[in-house]
Amino acid sequence: MDAHISPEQLYGVDRAILIDAPYITQREYARRTGLTYSSVRSRVERGELPVYRPKASSSALINMMVLAKEALETHEW
């Protein structure tokens, strides 16, 4: 599968956010944002980050789709 997006595919697009994975681990989120892992865990526990749990007993994954949607809705274009 080719993940490359050509300029033709974006023609006429007002704005786009590309998400490489709908959910990522808390450690990966910490790496990508520069936050500490413990800071990310605390934010998850306080409900400050949107999460997805595939099973009730599984670790919370950061929901990147919700974060992208929030970014689009709160940014002033």
PDB file of N, CA and C in Angstrom:
ATOM      1  N   MET A   1       0.833  -1.182   0.000  1.00  0.00           N
ATOM      2  CA  MET A   1       0.000   0.000   0.000  1.00  0.00           C
ATOM      3  C   MET A   1       0.876   1.244   0.000  1.00  0.00           C
ATOM      4  N   ASP A   2       0.633   2.147  -0.936  1.00  0.00           N
ATOM      5  CA  ASP A   2       1.418   3.361  -1.055  1.00  0.00           C
ATOM      6  C   ASP A   2       0.787   4.456  -0.201  1.00  0.00           C
ATOM      7  N   ALA A   3       1.522   4.944   0.792  1.00  0.00           N
ATOM      8  CA  ALA A   3       0.999   5.974   1.690  1.00  0.00           C
ATOM      9  C   ALA A   3       1.273   7.378   1.163  1.00  0.00           C
ATOM     10  N   HIS A   4       1.933   7.479   0.017  1.00  0.00           N
ATOM     11  CA  HIS A   4       2.258   8.781  -0.568  1.00  0.00           C
ATOM     12  C   HIS A   4       1.001   9.461  -1.102  1.00  0.00           C
ATOM     13  N   ILE A   5       0.880  10.732  -0.840  1.00  0.00           N
ATOM     14  CA  ILE A   5      -0.245  11.508  -1.349  1.00  0.00           C
ATOM     15  C   ILE A   5       0.301  12.517  -2.343  1.00  0.00           C
ATOM     16  N   SER A   6      -0.226  12.487  -3.538  1.00  0.00           N
ATOM     17  CA  SER A   6       0.259  13.384  -4.585  1.00  0.00           C
ATOM     18  C   SER A   6      -0.413  14.747  -4.466  1.00  0.00           C
ATOM     19  N   PRO A   7       0.209  15.781  -5.042  1.00  0.00           N
ATOM     20  CA  PRO A   7      -0.415  17.111  -5.037  1.00  0.00           C
ATOM     21  C   PRO A   7      -1.788  17.105  -5.708  1.00  0.00           C
ATOM     22  N   GLU A   8      -1.958  16.261  -6.714  1.00  0.00           N
ATOM     23  CA  GLU A   8      -3.257  16.181  -7.399  1.00  0.00           C
ATOM     24  C   GLU A   8      -4.368  15.720  -6.458  1.00  0.00           C
ATOM     25  N   GLN A   9      -4.024  14.850  -5.520  1.00  0.00           N
ATOM     26  CA  GLN A   9      -5.022  14.355  -4.579  1.00  0.00           C
ATOM     27  C   GLN A   9      -5.451  15.441  -3.594  1.00  0.00           C
ATOM     28  N   LEU A  10      -4.632  16.449  -3.407  1.00  0.00           N
ATOM     29  CA  LEU A  10      -4.940  17.514  -2.462  1.00  0.00           C
ATOM     30  C   LEU A  10      -5.484  18.766  -3.148  1.00  0.00           C
ATOM     31  N   TYR A  11      -5.585  18.748  -4.458  1.00  0.00           N
ATOM     32  CA  TYR A  11      -6.070  19.919  -5.191  1.00  0.00           C
ATOM     33  C   TYR A  11      -7.459  20.314  -4.699  1.00  0.00           C
ATOM     34  N   GLY A  12      -7.602  21.550  -4.330  1.00  0.00           N
ATOM     35  CA  GLY A  12      -8.896  22.045  -3.873  1.00  0.00           C
ATOM     36  C   GLY A  12      -9.189  21.760  -2.413  1.00  0.00           C
ATOM     37  N   VAL A  13      -8.285  21.089  -1.725  1.00  0.00           N
ATOM     38  CA  VAL A  13      -8.490  20.792  -0.311  1.00  0.00           C
ATOM     39  C   VAL A  13      -8.138  22.037   0.494  1.00  0.00           C
ATOM     40  N   ASP A  14      -9.065  22.473   1.308  1.00  0.00           N
ATOM     41  CA  ASP A  14      -8.859  23.664   2.116  1.00  0.00           C
ATOM     42  C   ASP A  14      -7.866  23.411   3.242  1.00  0.00           C
ATOM     43  N   ARG A  15      -7.987  22.264   3.872  1.00  0.00           N
ATOM     44  CA  ARG A  15      -7.071  21.890   4.961  1.00  0.00           C
ATOM     45  C   ARG A  15      -7.126  20.381   5.123  1.00  0.00           C
ATOM     46  N   ALA A  16      -6.032  19.817   5.572  1.00  0.00           N
ATOM     47  CA  ALA A  16      -5.975  18.372   5.754  1.00  0.00           C
ATOM     48  C   ALA A  16      -5.061  18.045   6.922  1.00  0.00           C
ATOM     49  N   ILE A  17      -5.465  17.071   7.678  1.00  0.00           N
ATOM     50  CA  ILE A  17      -4.617  16.513   8.732  1.00  0.00           C
ATOM     51  C   ILE A  17      -4.457  15.047   8.394  1.00  0.00           C
ATOM     52  N   LEU A  18      -3.231  14.611   8.249  1.00  0.00           N
ATOM     53  CA  LEU A  18      -2.968  13.223   7.913  1.00  0.00           C
ATOM     54  C   LEU A  18      -2.617  12.459   9.185  1.00  0.00           C
ATOM     55  N   ILE A  19      -3.307  11.377   9.410  1.00  0.00           N
ATOM     56  CA  ILE A  19      -3.110  10.555  10.601  1.00  0.00           C
ATOM     57  C   ILE A  19      -2.502   9.227  10.162  1.00  0.00           C
ATOM     58  N   ASP A  20      -1.347   8.885  10.710  1.00  0.00           N
ATOM     59  CA  ASP A  20      -0.710   7.629  10.308  1.00  0.00           C
ATOM     60  C   ASP A  20      -1.255   6.423  11.062  1.00  0.00           C
ATOM     61  N   ALA A  21      -1.896   6.659  12.199  1.00  0.00           N
ATOM     62  CA  ALA A  21      -2.490   5.566  12.980  1.00  0.00           C
ATOM     63  C   ALA A  21      -3.631   6.153  13.808  1.00  0.00           C
ATOM     64  N   PRO A  22      -4.787   5.510  13.822  1.00  0.00           N
ATOM     65  CA  PRO A  22      -5.908   6.063  14.585  1.00  0.00           C
ATOM     66  C   PRO A  22      -5.676   6.042  16.097  1.00  0.00           C
ATOM     67  N   TYR A  23      -4.921   5.066  16.561  1.00  0.00           N
ATOM     68  CA  TYR A  23      -4.624   4.944  17.997  1.00  0.00           C
ATOM     69  C   TYR A  23      -3.134   4.684  18.158  1.00  0.00           C
ATOM     70  N   ILE A  24      -2.536   5.296  19.182  1.00  0.00           N
ATOM     71  CA  ILE A  24      -1.135   5.024  19.493  1.00  0.00           C
ATOM     72  C   ILE A  24      -0.987   4.806  20.993  1.00  0.00           C
ATOM     73  N   THR A  25       0.083   4.134  21.365  1.00  0.00           N
ATOM     74  CA  THR A  25       0.320   3.880  22.786  1.00  0.00           C
ATOM     75  C   THR A  25       0.662   5.179  23.504  1.00  0.00           C
ATOM     76  N   GLN A  26       0.529   5.146  24.795  1.00  0.00           N
ATOM     77  CA  GLN A  26       0.874   6.317  25.596  1.00  0.00           C
ATOM     78  C   GLN A  26       2.357   6.639  25.474  1.00  0.00           C
ATOM     79  N   ARG A  27       3.190   5.607  25.404  1.00  0.00           N
ATOM     80  CA  ARG A  27       4.634   5.828  25.237  1.00  0.00           C
ATOM     81  C   ARG A  27       4.930   6.506  23.900  1.00  0.00           C
ATOM     82  N   GLU A  28       4.254   6.068  22.844  1.00  0.00           N
ATOM     83  CA  GLU A  28       4.467   6.667  21.529  1.00  0.00           C
ATOM     84  C   GLU A  28       3.977   8.113  21.516  1.00  0.00           C
ATOM     85  N   TYR A  29       2.863   8.386  22.161  1.00  0.00           N
ATOM     86  CA  TYR A  29       2.357   9.753  22.249  1.00  0.00           C
ATOM     87  C   TYR A  29       3.369  10.634  22.985  1.00  0.00           C
ATOM     88  N   ALA A  30       3.929  10.111  24.065  1.00  0.00           N
ATOM     89  CA  ALA A  30       4.941  10.858  24.815  1.00  0.00           C
ATOM     90  C   ALA A  30       6.150  11.152  23.923  1.00  0.00           C
ATOM     91  N   ARG A  31       6.588  10.169  23.164  1.00  0.00           N
ATOM     92  CA  ARG A  31       7.735  10.353  22.272  1.00  0.00           C
ATOM     93  C   ARG A  31       7.437  11.424  21.226  1.00  0.00           C
ATOM     94  N   ARG A  32       6.266  11.348  20.620  1.00  0.00           N
ATOM     95  CA  ARG A  32       5.918  12.288  19.551  1.00  0.00           C
ATOM     96  C   ARG A  32       5.725  13.714  20.041  1.00  0.00           C
ATOM     97  N   THR A  33       5.240  13.876  21.252  1.00  0.00           N
ATOM     98  CA  THR A  33       4.944  15.214  21.764  1.00  0.00           C
ATOM     99  C   THR A  33       6.065  15.803  22.611  1.00  0.00           C
ATOM    100  N   GLY A  34       7.003  14.970  23.039  1.00  0.00           N
ATOM    101  CA  GLY A  34       8.075  15.454  23.897  1.00  0.00           C
ATOM    102  C   GLY A  34       7.699  15.495  25.366  1.00  0.00           C
ATOM    103  N   LEU A  35       6.497  15.007  25.691  1.00  0.00           N
ATOM    104  CA  LEU A  35       6.076  14.919  27.088  1.00  0.00           C
ATOM    105  C   LEU A  35       6.691  13.679  27.725  1.00  0.00           C
ATOM    106  N   THR A  36       6.767  13.674  29.044  1.00  0.00           N
ATOM    107  CA  THR A  36       7.231  12.468  29.708  1.00  0.00           C
ATOM    108  C   THR A  36       6.098  11.440  29.718  1.00  0.00           C
ATOM    109  N   TYR A  37       6.479  10.182  29.820  1.00  0.00           N
ATOM    110  CA  TYR A  37       5.486   9.122  29.868  1.00  0.00           C
ATOM    111  C   TYR A  37       4.580   9.308  31.083  1.00  0.00           C
ATOM    112  N   SER A  38       5.153   9.695  32.205  1.00  0.00           N
ATOM    113  CA  SER A  38       4.340   9.872  33.420  1.00  0.00           C
ATOM    114  C   SER A  38       3.368  11.033  33.262  1.00  0.00           C
ATOM    115  N   SER A  39       3.752  12.073  32.540  1.00  0.00           N
ATOM    116  CA  SER A  39       2.848  13.196  32.287  1.00  0.00           C
ATOM    117  C   SER A  39       1.678  12.750  31.413  1.00  0.00           C
ATOM    118  N   VAL A  40       1.959  11.941  30.401  1.00  0.00           N
ATOM    119  CA  VAL A  40       0.898  11.430  29.528  1.00  0.00           C
ATOM    120  C   VAL A  40      -0.049  10.547  30.332  1.00  0.00           C
ATOM    121  N   ARG A  41       0.500   9.647  31.149  1.00  0.00           N
ATOM    122  CA  ARG A  41      -0.342   8.776  31.983  1.00  0.00           C
ATOM    123  C   ARG A  41      -1.231   9.592  32.897  1.00  0.00           C
ATOM    124  N   SER A  42      -0.683  10.641  33.498  1.00  0.00           N
ATOM    125  CA  SER A  42      -1.471  11.498  34.390  1.00  0.00           C
ATOM    126  C   SER A  42      -2.598  12.185  33.630  1.00  0.00           C
ATOM    127  N   ARG A  43      -2.314  12.654  32.433  1.00  0.00           N
ATOM    128  CA  ARG A  43      -3.341  13.318  31.626  1.00  0.00           C
ATOM    129  C   ARG A  43      -4.441  12.339  31.227  1.00  0.00           C
ATOM    130  N   VAL A  44      -4.055  11.103  30.961  1.00  0.00           N
ATOM    131  CA  VAL A  44      -5.048  10.071  30.645  1.00  0.00           C
ATOM    132  C   VAL A  44      -5.925   9.820  31.869  1.00  0.00           C
ATOM    133  N   GLU A  45      -5.302   9.667  33.030  1.00  0.00           N
ATOM    134  CA  GLU A  45      -6.049   9.405  34.257  1.00  0.00           C
ATOM    135  C   GLU A  45      -7.007  10.543  34.605  1.00  0.00           C
ATOM    136  N   ARG A  46      -6.627  11.785  34.288  1.00  0.00           N
ATOM    137  CA  ARG A  46      -7.486  12.947  34.567  1.00  0.00           C
ATOM    138  C   ARG A  46      -8.523  13.176  33.464  1.00  0.00           C
ATOM    139  N   GLY A  47      -8.465  12.377  32.418  1.00  0.00           N
ATOM    140  CA  GLY A  47      -9.422  12.514  31.329  1.00  0.00           C
ATOM    141  C   GLY A  47      -9.105  13.660  30.378  1.00  0.00           C
ATOM    142  N   GLU A  48      -7.875  14.115  30.368  1.00  0.00           N
ATOM    143  CA  GLU A  48      -7.479  15.232  29.513  1.00  0.00           C
ATOM    144  C   GLU A  48      -7.102  14.804  28.099  1.00  0.00           C
ATOM    145  N   LEU A  49      -6.884  13.524  27.894  1.00  0.00           N
ATOM    146  CA  LEU A  49      -6.567  12.997  26.566  1.00  0.00           C
ATOM    147  C   LEU A  49      -7.620  11.959  26.189  1.00  0.00           C
ATOM    148  N   PRO A  50      -8.067  11.985  24.941  1.00  0.00           N
ATOM    149  CA  PRO A  50      -9.069  10.997  24.518  1.00  0.00           C
ATOM    150  C   PRO A  50      -8.413   9.627  24.348  1.00  0.00           C
ATOM    151  N   VAL A  51      -9.063   8.618  24.869  1.00  0.00           N
ATOM    152  CA  VAL A  51      -8.477   7.280  24.803  1.00  0.00           C
ATOM    153  C   VAL A  51      -9.467   6.258  24.265  1.00  0.00           C
ATOM    154  N   TYR A  52      -8.912   5.150  23.850  1.00  0.00           N
ATOM    155  CA  TYR A  52      -9.678   3.994  23.384  1.00  0.00           C
ATOM    156  C   TYR A  52      -9.115   2.777  24.094  1.00  0.00           C
ATOM    157  N   ARG A  53      -9.989   1.968  24.640  1.00  0.00           N
ATOM    158  CA  ARG A  53      -9.584   0.720  25.283  1.00  0.00           C
ATOM    159  C   ARG A  53     -10.250  -0.421  24.522  1.00  0.00           C
ATOM    160  N   PRO A  54      -9.482  -1.228  23.789  1.00  0.00           N
ATOM    161  CA  PRO A  54     -10.081  -2.332  23.040  1.00  0.00           C
ATOM    162  C   PRO A  54     -10.841  -3.305  23.942  1.00  0.00           C
ATOM    163  N   LYS A  55     -10.347  -3.494  25.152  1.00  0.00           N
ATOM    164  CA  LYS A  55     -11.006  -4.326  26.165  1.00  0.00           C
ATOM    165  C   LYS A  55     -10.961  -3.557  27.476  1.00  0.00           C
ATOM    166  N   ALA A  56     -11.911  -3.820  28.332  1.00  0.00           N
ATOM    167  CA  ALA A  56     -11.981  -3.082  29.604  1.00  0.00           C
ATOM    168  C   ALA A  56     -10.686  -3.173  30.410  1.00  0.00           C
ATOM    169  N   SER A  57      -9.995  -4.290  30.313  1.00  0.00           N
ATOM    170  CA  SER A  57      -8.786  -4.478  31.117  1.00  0.00           C
ATOM    171  C   SER A  57      -7.504  -4.058  30.388  1.00  0.00           C
ATOM    172  N   SER A  58      -7.603  -3.600  29.147  1.00  0.00           N
ATOM    173  CA  SER A  58      -6.393  -3.269  28.384  1.00  0.00           C
ATOM    174  C   SER A  58      -5.925  -1.842  28.660  1.00  0.00           C
ATOM    175  N   SER A  59      -4.692  -1.586  28.270  1.00  0.00           N
ATOM    176  CA  SER A  59      -4.124  -0.247  28.428  1.00  0.00           C
ATOM    177  C   SER A  59      -4.836   0.736  27.512  1.00  0.00           C
ATOM    178  N   ALA A  60      -4.953   1.949  27.975  1.00  0.00           N
ATOM    179  CA  ALA A  60      -5.599   2.995  27.183  1.00  0.00           C
ATOM    180  C   ALA A  60      -4.676   3.430  26.055  1.00  0.00           C
ATOM    181  N   LEU A  61      -5.230   3.477  24.846  1.00  0.00           N
ATOM    182  CA  LEU A  61      -4.510   3.981  23.688  1.00  0.00           C
ATOM    183  C   LEU A  61      -4.989   5.403  23.420  1.00  0.00           C
ATOM    184  N   ILE A  62      -4.091   6.265  22.992  1.00  0.00           N
ATOM    185  CA  ILE A  62      -4.464   7.643  22.688  1.00  0.00           C
ATOM    186  C   ILE A  62      -5.208   7.653  21.350  1.00  0.00           C
ATOM    187  N   ASN A  63      -6.370   8.285  21.334  1.00  0.00           N
ATOM    188  CA  ASN A  63      -7.208   8.345  20.141  1.00  0.00           C
ATOM    189  C   ASN A  63      -6.798   9.561  19.310  1.00  0.00           C
ATOM    190  N   MET A  64      -5.990   9.324  18.291  1.00  0.00           N
ATOM    191  CA  MET A  64      -5.467  10.391  17.466  1.00  0.00           C
ATOM    192  C   MET A  64      -6.539  11.025  16.583  1.00  0.00           C
ATOM    193  N   MET A  65      -7.574  10.262  16.248  1.00  0.00           N
ATOM    194  CA  MET A  65      -8.656  10.790  15.422  1.00  0.00           C
ATOM    195  C   MET A  65      -9.426  11.883  16.170  1.00  0.00           C
ATOM    196  N   VAL A  66      -9.673  11.659  17.444  1.00  0.00           N
ATOM    197  CA  VAL A  66     -10.377  12.666  18.255  1.00  0.00           C
ATOM    198  C   VAL A  66      -9.502  13.918  18.393  1.00  0.00           C
ATOM    199  N   LEU A  67      -8.207  13.728  18.613  1.00  0.00           N
ATOM    200  CA  LEU A  67      -7.316  14.883  18.734  1.00  0.00           C
ATOM    201  C   LEU A  67      -7.281  15.691  17.433  1.00  0.00           C
ATOM    202  N   ALA A  68      -7.254  15.014  16.294  1.00  0.00           N
ATOM    203  CA  ALA A  68      -7.252  15.709  15.003  1.00  0.00           C
ATOM    204  C   ALA A  68      -8.549  16.476  14.806  1.00  0.00           C
ATOM    205  N   LYS A  69      -9.658  15.859  15.155  1.00  0.00           N
ATOM    206  CA  LYS A  69     -10.970  16.514  15.025  1.00  0.00           C
ATOM    207  C   LYS A  69     -11.025  17.759  15.908  1.00  0.00           C
ATOM    208  N   GLU A  70     -10.549  17.636  17.141  1.00  0.00           N
ATOM    209  CA  GLU A  70     -10.531  18.785  18.044  1.00  0.00           C
ATOM    210  C   GLU A  70      -9.643  19.907  17.493  1.00  0.00           C
ATOM    211  N   ALA A  71      -8.511  19.535  16.897  1.00  0.00           N
ATOM    212  CA  ALA A  71      -7.601  20.527  16.335  1.00  0.00           C
ATOM    213  C   ALA A  71      -8.279  21.285  15.206  1.00  0.00           C
ATOM    214  N   LEU A  72      -9.000  20.576  14.353  1.00  0.00           N
ATOM    215  CA  LEU A  72      -9.714  21.223  13.254  1.00  0.00           C
ATOM    216  C   LEU A  72     -10.823  22.146  13.752  1.00  0.00           C
ATOM    217  N   GLU A  73     -11.516  21.713  14.785  1.00  0.00           N
ATOM    218  CA  GLU A  73     -12.650  22.488  15.303  1.00  0.00           C
ATOM    219  C   GLU A  73     -12.220  23.721  16.093  1.00  0.00           C
ATOM    220  N   THR A  74     -11.068  23.678  16.712  1.00  0.00           N
ATOM    221  CA  THR A  74     -10.660  24.782  17.576  1.00  0.00           C
ATOM    222  C   THR A  74      -9.723  25.761  16.882  1.00  0.00           C
ATOM    223  N   HIS A  75      -9.163  25.394  15.746  1.00  0.00           N
ATOM    224  CA  HIS A  75      -8.236  26.285  15.043  1.00  0.00           C
ATOM    225  C   HIS A  75      -9.034  27.317  14.256  1.00  0.00           C
ATOM    226  N   GLU A  76      -8.591  28.549  14.332  1.00  0.00           N
ATOM    227  CA  GLU A  76      -9.243  29.616  13.559  1.00  0.00           C
ATOM    228  C   GLU A  76      -8.592  29.695  12.200  1.00  0.00           C
ATOM    229  N   TRP A  77      -9.318  29.356  11.175  1.00  0.00           N
ATOM    230  CA  TRP A  77      -8.812  29.385   9.803  1.00  0.00           C
ATOM    231  C   TRP A  77      -9.092  30.716   9.251  1.00  0.00           C
TER     232      TRP A  77
END
